[in-house]
Amino acid sequence: MAGSESKAAKDLSAMVETTMQQLQSRFQNLSDQIISKMDEMGTRIDDLENNVADLMTQAGGMEDHHKSNDFEERTSWPKH
């Protein structure tokens, strides 16, 4: 009887070890996927920040252009 208990304990131990290895593998795969998605999101955020900065620069240039045009128009108005 002791032999069958020993075999059952070994089988249970092997099953637990296999299950733990599978869980570790799944956990590692999920971790890799999360890290990959975070890297991708970081890249997209960097691109978005660059695009916003470019738009702000363009808008600032347009604002300066409009201010100088307004000044030129006002100075060219006829004086009464």
N, C-alpha and C. Protein backbone atom coordinates (compact mmCIF):
# COMPACT_ATOMS: atom_id res chain seq x y z
N MET A 1 0.82 -1.19 0.00
CA MET A 1 0.00 0.00 0.00
C MET A 1 0.86 1.26 0.00
N ALA A 2 1.99 1.20 0.67
CA ALA A 2 2.87 2.35 0.73
C ALA A 2 3.41 2.68 -0.65
N GLY A 3 3.59 1.67 -1.49
CA GLY A 3 4.08 1.88 -2.84
C GLY A 3 3.09 2.65 -3.68
N SER A 4 1.79 2.37 -3.54
CA SER A 4 0.78 3.07 -4.32
C SER A 4 0.63 4.51 -3.83
N GLU A 5 0.78 4.76 -2.54
CA GLU A 5 0.73 6.12 -2.02
C GLU A 5 1.93 6.92 -2.53
N SER A 6 3.06 6.26 -2.57
CA SER A 6 4.26 6.92 -3.06
C SER A 6 4.12 7.27 -4.54
N LYS A 7 3.52 6.35 -5.32
CA LYS A 7 3.31 6.60 -6.74
C LYS A 7 2.30 7.73 -6.93
N ALA A 8 1.24 7.71 -6.12
CA ALA A 8 0.22 8.76 -6.21
C ALA A 8 0.84 10.11 -5.85
N ALA A 9 1.68 10.14 -4.83
CA ALA A 9 2.34 11.40 -4.44
C ALA A 9 3.26 11.88 -5.55
N LYS A 10 3.99 10.98 -6.19
CA LYS A 10 4.88 11.34 -7.29
C LYS A 10 4.07 11.84 -8.49
N ASP A 11 2.96 11.17 -8.79
CA ASP A 11 2.09 11.59 -9.90
C ASP A 11 1.52 12.98 -9.63
N LEU A 12 1.06 13.19 -8.39
CA LEU A 12 0.50 14.48 -8.02
C LEU A 12 1.57 15.57 -8.11
N SER A 13 2.75 15.26 -7.63
CA SER A 13 3.86 16.20 -7.69
C SER A 13 4.20 16.55 -9.14
N ALA A 14 4.24 15.55 -10.00
CA ALA A 14 4.53 15.78 -11.42
C ALA A 14 3.44 16.62 -12.07
N MET A 15 2.19 16.34 -11.70
CA MET A 15 1.07 17.10 -12.27
C MET A 15 1.13 18.56 -11.82
N VAL A 16 1.42 18.78 -10.54
CA VAL A 16 1.54 20.14 -10.03
C VAL A 16 2.69 20.86 -10.70
N GLU A 17 3.81 20.20 -10.87
CA GLU A 17 4.96 20.81 -11.52
C GLU A 17 4.64 21.19 -12.97
N THR A 18 3.97 20.29 -13.69
CA THR A 18 3.58 20.57 -15.08
C THR A 18 2.63 21.77 -15.13
N THR A 19 1.66 21.78 -14.22
CA THR A 19 0.70 22.88 -14.18
C THR A 19 1.40 24.20 -13.88
N MET A 20 2.33 24.19 -12.95
CA MET A 20 3.07 25.40 -12.61
C MET A 20 3.91 25.88 -13.80
N GLN A 21 4.52 24.96 -14.53
CA GLN A 21 5.30 25.34 -15.71
C GLN A 21 4.40 25.95 -16.78
N GLN A 22 3.20 25.37 -16.96
CA GLN A 22 2.27 25.92 -17.93
C GLN A 22 1.82 27.32 -17.51
N LEU A 23 1.54 27.49 -16.23
CA LEU A 23 1.14 28.81 -15.73
C LEU A 23 2.26 29.82 -15.92
N GLN A 24 3.48 29.43 -15.63
CA GLN A 24 4.64 30.31 -15.81
C GLN A 24 4.79 30.71 -17.27
N SER A 25 4.62 29.75 -18.16
CA SER A 25 4.72 30.03 -19.59
C SER A 25 3.62 31.00 -20.04
N ARG A 26 2.40 30.77 -19.58
CA ARG A 26 1.29 31.67 -19.93
C ARG A 26 1.52 33.07 -19.37
N PHE A 27 1.97 33.12 -18.12
CA PHE A 27 2.26 34.40 -17.50
C PHE A 27 3.34 35.15 -18.28
N GLN A 28 4.38 34.46 -18.69
CA GLN A 28 5.46 35.09 -19.46
C GLN A 28 4.94 35.60 -20.80
N ASN A 29 4.10 34.81 -21.47
CA ASN A 29 3.53 35.24 -22.75
C ASN A 29 2.67 36.49 -22.57
N LEU A 30 1.83 36.50 -21.52
CA LEU A 30 1.00 37.68 -21.27
C LEU A 30 1.85 38.90 -20.93
N SER A 31 2.87 38.69 -20.13
CA SER A 31 3.77 39.79 -19.78
C SER A 31 4.44 40.36 -21.03
N ASP A 32 4.91 39.49 -21.90
CA ASP A 32 5.54 39.93 -23.15
C ASP A 32 4.56 40.72 -24.00
N GLN A 33 3.32 40.25 -24.08
CA GLN A 33 2.31 40.96 -24.87
C GLN A 33 2.01 42.33 -24.28
N ILE A 34 1.91 42.41 -22.96
CA ILE A 34 1.63 43.69 -22.31
C ILE A 34 2.77 44.67 -22.55
N ILE A 35 3.98 44.19 -22.38
CA ILE A 35 5.15 45.06 -22.59
C ILE A 35 5.20 45.54 -24.04
N SER A 36 4.90 44.65 -24.97
CA SER A 36 4.89 45.02 -26.39
C SER A 36 3.83 46.10 -26.66
N LYS A 37 2.65 45.92 -26.09
CA LYS A 37 1.58 46.91 -26.28
C LYS A 37 1.95 48.25 -25.64
N MET A 38 2.60 48.20 -24.48
CA MET A 38 3.02 49.44 -23.83
C MET A 38 4.08 50.15 -24.65
N ASP A 39 5.01 49.41 -25.22
CA ASP A 39 6.02 50.01 -26.09
C ASP A 39 5.37 50.66 -27.31
N GLU A 40 4.41 49.95 -27.90
CA GLU A 40 3.70 50.48 -29.06
C GLU A 40 2.94 51.75 -28.67
N MET A 41 2.28 51.73 -27.51
CA MET A 41 1.54 52.90 -27.07
C MET A 41 2.49 54.06 -26.80
N GLY A 42 3.66 53.78 -26.22
CA GLY A 42 4.63 54.83 -25.98
C GLY A 42 5.09 55.48 -27.27
N THR A 43 5.31 54.67 -28.29
CA THR A 43 5.71 55.19 -29.60
C THR A 43 4.61 56.06 -30.19
N ARG A 44 3.38 55.60 -30.06
CA ARG A 44 2.26 56.37 -30.60
C ARG A 44 2.08 57.69 -29.85
N ILE A 45 2.30 57.68 -28.54
CA ILE A 45 2.20 58.91 -27.75
C ILE A 45 3.31 59.87 -28.16
N ASP A 46 4.52 59.36 -28.36
CA ASP A 46 5.63 60.21 -28.82
C ASP A 46 5.30 60.85 -30.16
N ASP A 47 4.75 60.05 -31.08
CA ASP A 47 4.36 60.58 -32.39
C ASP A 47 3.29 61.66 -32.24
N LEU A 48 2.32 61.41 -31.37
CA LEU A 48 1.25 62.38 -31.14
C LEU A 48 1.82 63.68 -30.56
N GLU A 49 2.72 63.57 -29.60
CA GLU A 49 3.35 64.76 -29.02
C GLU A 49 4.11 65.55 -30.09
N ASN A 50 4.82 64.85 -30.95
CA ASN A 50 5.55 65.53 -32.03
C ASN A 50 4.59 66.24 -32.98
N ASN A 51 3.49 65.57 -33.32
CA ASN A 51 2.50 66.19 -34.21
C ASN A 51 1.87 67.42 -33.58
N VAL A 52 1.55 67.34 -32.29
CA VAL A 52 0.97 68.49 -31.59
C VAL A 52 1.98 69.64 -31.55
N ALA A 53 3.24 69.32 -31.27
CA ALA A 53 4.27 70.36 -31.25
C ALA A 53 4.41 71.01 -32.63
N ASP A 54 4.37 70.20 -33.68
CA ASP A 54 4.44 70.75 -35.04
C ASP A 54 3.25 71.67 -35.32
N LEU A 55 2.06 71.23 -34.92
CA LEU A 55 0.87 72.05 -35.14
C LEU A 55 0.94 73.36 -34.36
N MET A 56 1.44 73.27 -33.14
CA MET A 56 1.58 74.50 -32.34
C MET A 56 2.58 75.45 -32.97
N THR A 57 3.67 74.89 -33.51
CA THR A 57 4.66 75.72 -34.18
C THR A 57 4.04 76.38 -35.41
N GLN A 58 3.30 75.58 -36.18
CA GLN A 58 2.64 76.13 -37.37
C GLN A 58 1.62 77.19 -36.99
N ALA A 59 0.85 76.93 -35.95
CA ALA A 59 -0.15 77.90 -35.51
C ALA A 59 0.52 79.18 -35.02
N GLY A 60 1.63 79.03 -34.31
CA GLY A 60 2.37 80.21 -33.85
C GLY A 60 2.89 81.01 -35.02
N GLY A 61 3.38 80.34 -36.04
CA GLY A 61 3.86 81.03 -37.24
C GLY A 61 2.73 81.72 -37.97
N MET A 62 1.58 81.09 -38.00
CA MET A 62 0.42 81.71 -38.65
C MET A 62 -0.05 82.91 -37.85
N GLU A 63 0.01 82.80 -36.53
CA GLU A 63 -0.40 83.92 -35.68
C GLU A 63 0.52 85.10 -35.89
N ASP A 64 1.83 84.84 -35.95
CA ASP A 64 2.79 85.92 -36.21
C ASP A 64 2.55 86.53 -37.58
N HIS A 65 2.26 85.69 -38.56
CA HIS A 65 2.00 86.16 -39.92
C HIS A 65 0.76 87.05 -39.94
N HIS A 66 -0.30 86.63 -39.25
CA HIS A 66 -1.53 87.43 -39.21
C HIS A 66 -1.29 88.75 -38.49
N LYS A 67 -0.51 88.73 -37.42
CA LYS A 67 -0.23 89.97 -36.69
C LYS A 67 0.52 90.95 -37.58
N SER A 68 1.50 90.47 -38.33
CA SER A 68 2.27 91.37 -39.18
C SER A 68 1.40 91.87 -40.33
N ASN A 69 0.52 91.03 -40.86
CA ASN A 69 -0.39 91.47 -41.93
C ASN A 69 -1.38 92.49 -41.40
N ASP A 70 -1.88 92.30 -40.20
CA ASP A 70 -2.81 93.27 -39.61
C ASP A 70 -2.12 94.62 -39.45
N PHE A 71 -0.87 94.60 -39.01
CA PHE A 71 -0.13 95.83 -38.83
C PHE A 71 0.07 96.52 -40.18
N GLU A 72 0.43 95.75 -41.20
CA GLU A 72 0.65 96.33 -42.53
C GLU A 72 -0.64 96.92 -43.06
N GLU A 73 -1.76 96.21 -42.83
CA GLU A 73 -3.04 96.73 -43.32
C GLU A 73 -3.40 98.02 -42.61
N ARG A 74 -3.16 98.07 -41.29
CA ARG A 74 -3.50 99.27 -40.54
C ARG A 74 -2.61 100.45 -40.96
N THR A 75 -1.37 100.20 -41.24
CA THR A 75 -0.49 101.31 -41.62
C THR A 75 -0.78 101.78 -43.03
N SER A 76 -1.44 100.95 -43.81
CA SER A 76 -1.73 101.37 -45.19
C SER A 76 -3.12 102.00 -45.29
N TRP A 77 -3.82 102.05 -44.17
CA TRP A 77 -5.14 102.70 -44.23
C TRP A 77 -4.96 104.18 -44.52
N PRO A 78 -5.90 104.73 -45.23
CA PRO A 78 -5.80 106.17 -45.49
C PRO A 78 -5.97 106.96 -44.18
N LYS A 79 -5.19 108.00 -44.07
CA LYS A 79 -5.27 108.85 -42.88
C LYS A 79 -6.29 109.94 -43.16
N HIS A 80 -7.11 110.20 -42.18
CA HIS A 80 -8.16 111.23 -42.37
C HIS A 80 -7.77 112.50 -41.72
